[in-house]
Amino acid sequence: MRSGFSARLDQFVHQGLTGGCVWGLRSAEGEWGVTRSHVKNVLEVMPFWANQYDAEKVCCEEWRVYSATPIDLEEFLEDWLPGMHKDCMQVGINWCVDLRGDEVAPLDLMELFVSKLD
């Protein structure tokens, strides 16, 4: 895992632990928001936010079909991150309105959460 974590990543972990959930984007049909990586174009990225407000800010233009949806932190760590690793996806962290920001490997993010729990 890289050593210099960004402030967004650190904020995501801290707020996720404090709030007990993270926020993803889900359509009325139950589809979760996914896009191509800006770092490794061959990978898909599923973005998540530490709070509802920031997640809702990106629900415009082509992303207007989505709404901010909470995911319990335990479920995120135990089910979502291992599943995303299996599917060779990256995790987008606290992206800004232009849908850009940190992208991390799911198991690296899990490791960071676990290190903050100790």
N, C-alpha and C. Protein backbone atom coordinates (compact mmCIF):
# COMPACT_ATOMS: atom_id res chain seq x y z
N MET A 1 0.84 -1.17 0.00
CA MET A 1 0.00 0.00 0.00
C MET A 1 0.89 1.24 0.00
N ARG A 2 0.46 2.27 -0.67
CA ARG A 2 1.27 3.49 -0.73
C ARG A 2 1.34 4.15 0.63
N SER A 3 2.39 4.91 0.86
CA SER A 3 2.60 5.45 2.19
C SER A 3 1.96 6.81 2.41
N GLY A 4 1.87 7.67 1.42
CA GLY A 4 1.35 9.02 1.62
C GLY A 4 -0.13 9.12 1.28
N PHE A 5 -0.98 8.84 2.23
CA PHE A 5 -2.40 8.91 1.98
C PHE A 5 -2.86 10.35 1.85
N SER A 6 -3.81 10.58 0.98
CA SER A 6 -4.33 11.92 0.79
C SER A 6 -5.26 12.28 1.94
N ALA A 7 -5.53 13.55 2.07
CA ALA A 7 -6.45 14.03 3.10
C ALA A 7 -7.85 13.47 2.86
N ARG A 8 -8.26 13.33 1.59
CA ARG A 8 -9.59 12.77 1.29
C ARG A 8 -9.71 11.34 1.77
N LEU A 9 -8.67 10.56 1.56
CA LEU A 9 -8.69 9.16 1.98
C LEU A 9 -8.73 9.06 3.50
N ASP A 10 -7.92 9.86 4.16
CA ASP A 10 -7.89 9.86 5.61
C ASP A 10 -9.25 10.30 6.17
N GLN A 11 -9.85 11.32 5.56
CA GLN A 11 -11.16 11.81 5.98
C GLN A 11 -12.22 10.72 5.78
N PHE A 12 -12.15 10.03 4.66
CA PHE A 12 -13.10 8.96 4.36
C PHE A 12 -13.07 7.89 5.45
N VAL A 13 -11.88 7.45 5.80
CA VAL A 13 -11.74 6.39 6.82
C VAL A 13 -12.23 6.90 8.17
N HIS A 14 -11.81 8.09 8.56
CA HIS A 14 -12.20 8.66 9.85
C HIS A 14 -13.72 8.81 9.95
N GLN A 15 -14.33 9.42 8.93
CA GLN A 15 -15.78 9.63 8.97
C GLN A 15 -16.55 8.32 8.84
N GLY A 16 -16.02 7.37 8.08
CA GLY A 16 -16.67 6.07 7.99
C GLY A 16 -16.70 5.36 9.33
N LEU A 17 -15.58 5.42 10.05
CA LEU A 17 -15.52 4.80 11.37
C LEU A 17 -16.42 5.53 12.36
N THR A 18 -16.44 6.84 12.29
CA THR A 18 -17.25 7.64 13.21
C THR A 18 -18.74 7.46 12.93
N GLY A 19 -19.13 7.51 11.67
CA GLY A 19 -20.54 7.43 11.30
C GLY A 19 -21.08 6.02 11.17
N GLY A 20 -20.20 5.04 11.04
CA GLY A 20 -20.64 3.65 10.92
C GLY A 20 -21.16 3.26 9.54
N CYS A 21 -20.97 4.15 8.54
CA CYS A 21 -21.40 3.82 7.19
C CYS A 21 -20.60 4.62 6.18
N VAL A 22 -20.70 4.21 4.93
CA VAL A 22 -20.18 4.97 3.80
C VAL A 22 -21.35 5.13 2.84
N TRP A 23 -21.20 5.98 1.83
CA TRP A 23 -22.28 6.30 0.91
C TRP A 23 -21.88 5.97 -0.51
N GLY A 24 -22.74 5.23 -1.20
CA GLY A 24 -22.56 4.94 -2.60
C GLY A 24 -23.71 5.55 -3.39
N LEU A 25 -23.66 5.40 -4.71
CA LEU A 25 -24.71 5.93 -5.57
C LEU A 25 -25.49 4.77 -6.17
N ARG A 26 -26.80 4.79 -5.95
CA ARG A 26 -27.66 3.68 -6.40
C ARG A 26 -28.84 4.24 -7.18
N SER A 27 -29.16 3.59 -8.29
CA SER A 27 -30.30 4.01 -9.11
C SER A 27 -31.59 3.42 -8.55
N ALA A 28 -32.72 3.92 -9.04
CA ALA A 28 -34.02 3.40 -8.62
C ALA A 28 -34.16 1.91 -8.98
N GLU A 29 -33.44 1.48 -10.02
CA GLU A 29 -33.48 0.08 -10.45
C GLU A 29 -32.55 -0.81 -9.62
N GLY A 30 -31.81 -0.21 -8.68
CA GLY A 30 -30.92 -0.98 -7.83
C GLY A 30 -29.50 -1.11 -8.34
N GLU A 31 -29.18 -0.44 -9.44
CA GLU A 31 -27.81 -0.48 -9.98
C GLU A 31 -26.93 0.51 -9.23
N TRP A 32 -25.71 0.09 -8.92
CA TRP A 32 -24.75 0.96 -8.24
C TRP A 32 -23.90 1.68 -9.27
N GLY A 33 -23.56 2.93 -8.99
CA GLY A 33 -22.76 3.74 -9.90
C GLY A 33 -21.34 3.21 -10.05
N VAL A 34 -20.93 3.02 -11.29
CA VAL A 34 -19.59 2.53 -11.62
C VAL A 34 -19.10 3.32 -12.83
N THR A 35 -17.81 3.59 -12.89
CA THR A 35 -17.23 4.29 -14.02
C THR A 35 -15.84 3.75 -14.30
N ARG A 36 -15.24 4.18 -15.38
CA ARG A 36 -13.87 3.78 -15.73
C ARG A 36 -12.88 4.53 -14.85
N SER A 37 -11.79 3.87 -14.54
CA SER A 37 -10.71 4.48 -13.78
C SER A 37 -10.06 5.61 -14.57
N HIS A 38 -9.69 6.66 -13.86
CA HIS A 38 -8.93 7.75 -14.47
C HIS A 38 -7.43 7.45 -14.40
N VAL A 39 -7.08 6.46 -13.59
CA VAL A 39 -5.68 6.09 -13.39
C VAL A 39 -5.30 4.92 -14.29
N LYS A 40 -6.11 3.86 -14.25
CA LYS A 40 -5.88 2.66 -15.07
C LYS A 40 -7.16 2.40 -15.85
N ASN A 41 -7.21 2.89 -17.06
CA ASN A 41 -8.43 2.89 -17.87
C ASN A 41 -9.06 1.51 -18.06
N VAL A 42 -8.30 0.44 -17.85
CA VAL A 42 -8.85 -0.90 -18.02
C VAL A 42 -9.67 -1.34 -16.82
N LEU A 43 -9.60 -0.61 -15.72
CA LEU A 43 -10.32 -0.98 -14.51
C LEU A 43 -11.59 -0.16 -14.35
N GLU A 44 -12.56 -0.74 -13.64
CA GLU A 44 -13.75 -0.01 -13.26
C GLU A 44 -13.59 0.46 -11.82
N VAL A 45 -14.24 1.57 -11.52
CA VAL A 45 -14.18 2.15 -10.18
C VAL A 45 -15.61 2.37 -9.69
N MET A 46 -15.84 1.99 -8.44
CA MET A 46 -17.10 2.30 -7.79
C MET A 46 -16.80 3.36 -6.74
N PRO A 47 -17.37 4.55 -6.91
CA PRO A 47 -17.09 5.63 -5.96
C PRO A 47 -17.93 5.55 -4.69
N PHE A 48 -17.32 5.97 -3.59
CA PHE A 48 -17.98 6.02 -2.29
C PHE A 48 -17.59 7.32 -1.60
N TRP A 49 -18.47 7.77 -0.71
CA TRP A 49 -18.22 9.00 0.04
C TRP A 49 -18.42 8.74 1.52
N ALA A 50 -17.83 9.63 2.32
CA ALA A 50 -17.92 9.50 3.77
C ALA A 50 -19.22 10.10 4.31
N ASN A 51 -19.91 10.90 3.50
CA ASN A 51 -21.15 11.50 3.99
C ASN A 51 -22.15 11.67 2.85
N GLN A 52 -23.39 11.79 3.23
CA GLN A 52 -24.48 11.88 2.27
C GLN A 52 -24.40 13.15 1.42
N TYR A 53 -24.07 14.25 2.04
CA TYR A 53 -24.02 15.53 1.33
C TYR A 53 -23.07 15.48 0.14
N ASP A 54 -21.85 15.00 0.37
CA ASP A 54 -20.86 14.95 -0.72
C ASP A 54 -21.28 13.96 -1.81
N ALA A 55 -21.90 12.85 -1.41
CA ALA A 55 -22.36 11.88 -2.41
C ALA A 55 -23.47 12.48 -3.27
N GLU A 56 -24.38 13.21 -2.66
CA GLU A 56 -25.49 13.80 -3.41
C GLU A 56 -25.04 14.88 -4.39
N LYS A 57 -23.92 15.53 -4.11
CA LYS A 57 -23.44 16.61 -4.99
C LYS A 57 -23.12 16.11 -6.40
N VAL A 58 -22.77 14.85 -6.55
CA VAL A 58 -22.41 14.35 -7.88
C VAL A 58 -23.60 13.77 -8.64
N CYS A 59 -24.76 13.77 -8.03
CA CYS A 59 -25.96 13.20 -8.67
C CYS A 59 -26.58 14.23 -9.63
N CYS A 60 -25.84 14.57 -10.66
CA CYS A 60 -26.31 15.51 -11.67
C CYS A 60 -25.84 15.03 -13.04
N GLU A 61 -26.34 15.66 -14.08
CA GLU A 61 -26.03 15.29 -15.46
C GLU A 61 -26.24 13.79 -15.66
N GLU A 62 -25.25 13.06 -16.19
CA GLU A 62 -25.47 11.63 -16.45
C GLU A 62 -25.60 10.81 -15.17
N TRP A 63 -25.25 11.38 -14.03
CA TRP A 63 -25.35 10.68 -12.74
C TRP A 63 -26.64 11.05 -12.00
N ARG A 64 -27.54 11.80 -12.63
CA ARG A 64 -28.77 12.22 -11.97
C ARG A 64 -29.73 11.06 -11.69
N VAL A 65 -29.50 9.91 -12.33
CA VAL A 65 -30.36 8.74 -12.09
C VAL A 65 -30.02 8.04 -10.77
N TYR A 66 -28.97 8.49 -10.11
CA TYR A 66 -28.53 7.88 -8.86
C TYR A 66 -28.91 8.76 -7.67
N SER A 67 -28.99 8.12 -6.52
CA SER A 67 -29.16 8.87 -5.28
C SER A 67 -28.20 8.28 -4.24
N ALA A 68 -27.82 9.12 -3.29
CA ALA A 68 -26.89 8.70 -2.24
C ALA A 68 -27.57 7.65 -1.37
N THR A 69 -26.85 6.54 -1.16
CA THR A 69 -27.40 5.41 -0.42
C THR A 69 -26.38 4.93 0.61
N PRO A 70 -26.77 4.85 1.89
CA PRO A 70 -25.81 4.41 2.92
C PRO A 70 -25.54 2.91 2.84
N ILE A 71 -24.31 2.56 3.19
CA ILE A 71 -23.90 1.16 3.29
C ILE A 71 -23.25 1.01 4.66
N ASP A 72 -23.78 0.10 5.45
CA ASP A 72 -23.24 -0.15 6.78
C ASP A 72 -21.74 -0.47 6.68
N LEU A 73 -20.95 0.12 7.55
CA LEU A 73 -19.50 -0.04 7.47
C LEU A 73 -19.07 -1.50 7.60
N GLU A 74 -19.70 -2.24 8.49
CA GLU A 74 -19.34 -3.66 8.64
C GLU A 74 -19.59 -4.42 7.34
N GLU A 75 -20.73 -4.18 6.72
CA GLU A 75 -21.05 -4.82 5.45
C GLU A 75 -20.06 -4.38 4.36
N PHE A 76 -19.71 -3.10 4.36
CA PHE A 76 -18.76 -2.57 3.39
C PHE A 76 -17.42 -3.28 3.51
N LEU A 77 -16.94 -3.43 4.74
CA LEU A 77 -15.63 -4.05 4.97
C LEU A 77 -15.65 -5.57 4.74
N GLU A 78 -16.72 -6.22 5.15
CA GLU A 78 -16.75 -7.68 5.08
C GLU A 78 -17.24 -8.23 3.74
N ASP A 79 -18.12 -7.49 3.07
CA ASP A 79 -18.72 -8.01 1.83
C ASP A 79 -18.30 -7.21 0.59
N TRP A 80 -18.47 -5.90 0.65
CA TRP A 80 -18.24 -5.07 -0.53
C TRP A 80 -16.77 -5.09 -0.97
N LEU A 81 -15.86 -4.80 -0.05
CA LEU A 81 -14.45 -4.70 -0.45
C LEU A 81 -13.89 -6.03 -0.95
N PRO A 82 -14.15 -7.17 -0.27
CA PRO A 82 -13.68 -8.43 -0.84
C PRO A 82 -14.32 -8.73 -2.20
N GLY A 83 -15.60 -8.41 -2.36
CA GLY A 83 -16.27 -8.63 -3.64
C GLY A 83 -15.68 -7.77 -4.75
N MET A 84 -15.37 -6.52 -4.42
CA MET A 84 -14.76 -5.63 -5.41
C MET A 84 -13.36 -6.12 -5.79
N HIS A 85 -12.63 -6.63 -4.82
CA HIS A 85 -11.31 -7.20 -5.10
C HIS A 85 -11.44 -8.38 -6.07
N LYS A 86 -12.40 -9.24 -5.79
CA LYS A 86 -12.65 -10.41 -6.64
C LYS A 86 -13.01 -9.98 -8.07
N ASP A 87 -13.76 -8.88 -8.19
CA ASP A 87 -14.19 -8.37 -9.50
C ASP A 87 -13.15 -7.44 -10.15
N CYS A 88 -11.97 -7.32 -9.54
CA CYS A 88 -10.88 -6.47 -10.06
C CYS A 88 -11.32 -5.02 -10.26
N MET A 89 -12.01 -4.49 -9.27
CA MET A 89 -12.45 -3.09 -9.30
C MET A 89 -11.61 -2.26 -8.34
N GLN A 90 -11.62 -0.97 -8.54
CA GLN A 90 -11.00 -0.02 -7.65
C GLN A 90 -12.09 0.70 -6.85
N VAL A 91 -11.70 1.33 -5.76
CA VAL A 91 -12.62 2.09 -4.93
C VAL A 91 -12.30 3.57 -5.12
N GLY A 92 -13.30 4.35 -5.51
CA GLY A 92 -13.16 5.80 -5.60
C GLY A 92 -13.50 6.40 -4.25
N ILE A 93 -12.67 7.30 -3.77
CA ILE A 93 -12.82 7.84 -2.42
C ILE A 93 -13.15 9.32 -2.42
N ASN A 94 -14.32 9.68 -1.87
CA ASN A 94 -14.72 11.08 -1.69
C ASN A 94 -14.46 11.93 -2.93
N TRP A 95 -14.89 11.43 -4.08
CA TRP A 95 -14.66 12.16 -5.32
C TRP A 95 -15.37 13.50 -5.32
N CYS A 96 -14.82 14.45 -6.05
CA CYS A 96 -15.46 15.76 -6.19
C CYS A 96 -16.49 15.68 -7.33
N VAL A 97 -17.16 16.78 -7.59
CA VAL A 97 -18.28 16.81 -8.53
C VAL A 97 -17.89 16.33 -9.93
N ASP A 98 -16.64 16.53 -10.34
CA ASP A 98 -16.22 16.07 -11.67
C ASP A 98 -15.88 14.58 -11.70
N LEU A 99 -16.23 13.87 -10.62
CA LEU A 99 -16.01 12.43 -10.50
C LEU A 99 -14.55 12.03 -10.66
N ARG A 100 -13.71 12.76 -9.98
CA ARG A 100 -12.28 12.46 -9.93
C ARG A 100 -11.81 12.53 -8.49
N GLY A 101 -10.80 11.75 -8.21
CA GLY A 101 -10.24 11.73 -6.87
C GLY A 101 -9.40 10.48 -6.68
N ASP A 102 -9.17 10.16 -5.45
CA ASP A 102 -8.36 8.98 -5.13
C ASP A 102 -9.04 7.71 -5.60
N GLU A 103 -8.23 6.79 -6.09
CA GLU A 103 -8.66 5.44 -6.42
C GLU A 103 -7.72 4.50 -5.69
N VAL A 104 -8.29 3.58 -4.93
CA VAL A 104 -7.47 2.64 -4.18
C VAL A 104 -7.97 1.21 -4.39
N ALA A 105 -7.08 0.28 -4.22
CA ALA A 105 -7.46 -1.13 -4.29
C ALA A 105 -8.30 -1.47 -3.06
N PRO A 106 -9.33 -2.29 -3.24
CA PRO A 106 -10.22 -2.62 -2.12
C PRO A 106 -9.51 -3.18 -0.89
N LEU A 107 -8.55 -4.07 -1.08
CA LEU A 107 -7.87 -4.66 0.08
C LEU A 107 -6.95 -3.66 0.76
N ASP A 108 -6.40 -2.71 0.00
CA ASP A 108 -5.60 -1.64 0.62
C ASP A 108 -6.49 -0.76 1.50
N LEU A 109 -7.70 -0.48 1.03
CA LEU A 109 -8.62 0.32 1.83
C LEU A 109 -9.04 -0.44 3.08
N MET A 110 -9.29 -1.73 2.94
CA MET A 110 -9.65 -2.54 4.10
C MET A 110 -8.51 -2.51 5.12
N GLU A 111 -7.29 -2.65 4.64
CA GLU A 111 -6.13 -2.62 5.53
C GLU A 111 -6.05 -1.30 6.28
N LEU A 112 -6.33 -0.21 5.58
CA LEU A 112 -6.29 1.11 6.22
C LEU A 112 -7.37 1.22 7.30
N PHE A 113 -8.58 0.77 7.02
CA PHE A 113 -9.64 0.77 8.04
C PHE A 113 -9.20 -0.04 9.25
N VAL A 114 -8.69 -1.24 9.01
CA VAL A 114 -8.29 -2.12 10.11
C VAL A 114 -7.17 -1.47 10.94
N SER A 115 -6.23 -0.80 10.28
CA SER A 115 -5.13 -0.16 11.01
C SER A 115 -5.63 0.96 11.90
N LYS A 116 -6.71 1.62 11.51
CA LYS A 116 -7.28 2.71 12.32
C LYS A 116 -8.12 2.17 13.47
N LEU A 117 -8.54 0.91 13.37
CA LEU A 117 -9.31 0.29 14.46
C LEU A 117 -8.42 -0.15 15.61
N ASP A 118 -7.16 -0.42 15.30
CA ASP A 118 -6.21 -0.90 16.34
C ASP A 118 -5.84 0.18 17.32
